[in-house]
């Protein structure tokens, strides 16, 4: 079992995400679980993670404060994937470089400024 509480999110902002996914795949035994807690959308995450894992469940975790969080439970299949690193590297090349939209950036900045204002 590997539990990832936003490590993948951090590495998605660099070129390290494919290597992380590959190493987790290598560490897990057949049938092993990888649980991902993320702020990213399910479709975006699955475009990467489905290269190595099958999805067991996806749960939207609603919070009182801040954006909702996604919990994914993934499972390593029975077949070996000798070309996995190449597939992950190819995904990394196709990944959009700016993961945060201008609208999202503005909303975060406004929220941050509001929290900094006293009273």
Foldseek 3Di string as FASTA:
>chain_A
DAEAECPLVVCLLDLCNLVVLVVVLVPADAFDKYKYKALDDPVVVCVQNVLFWDWPDKDWADDPDDGIIIITITGGHDDDDPCSSVVNNVVSVVDDNDPDDPVRVVVVVVVVVVVPDDD
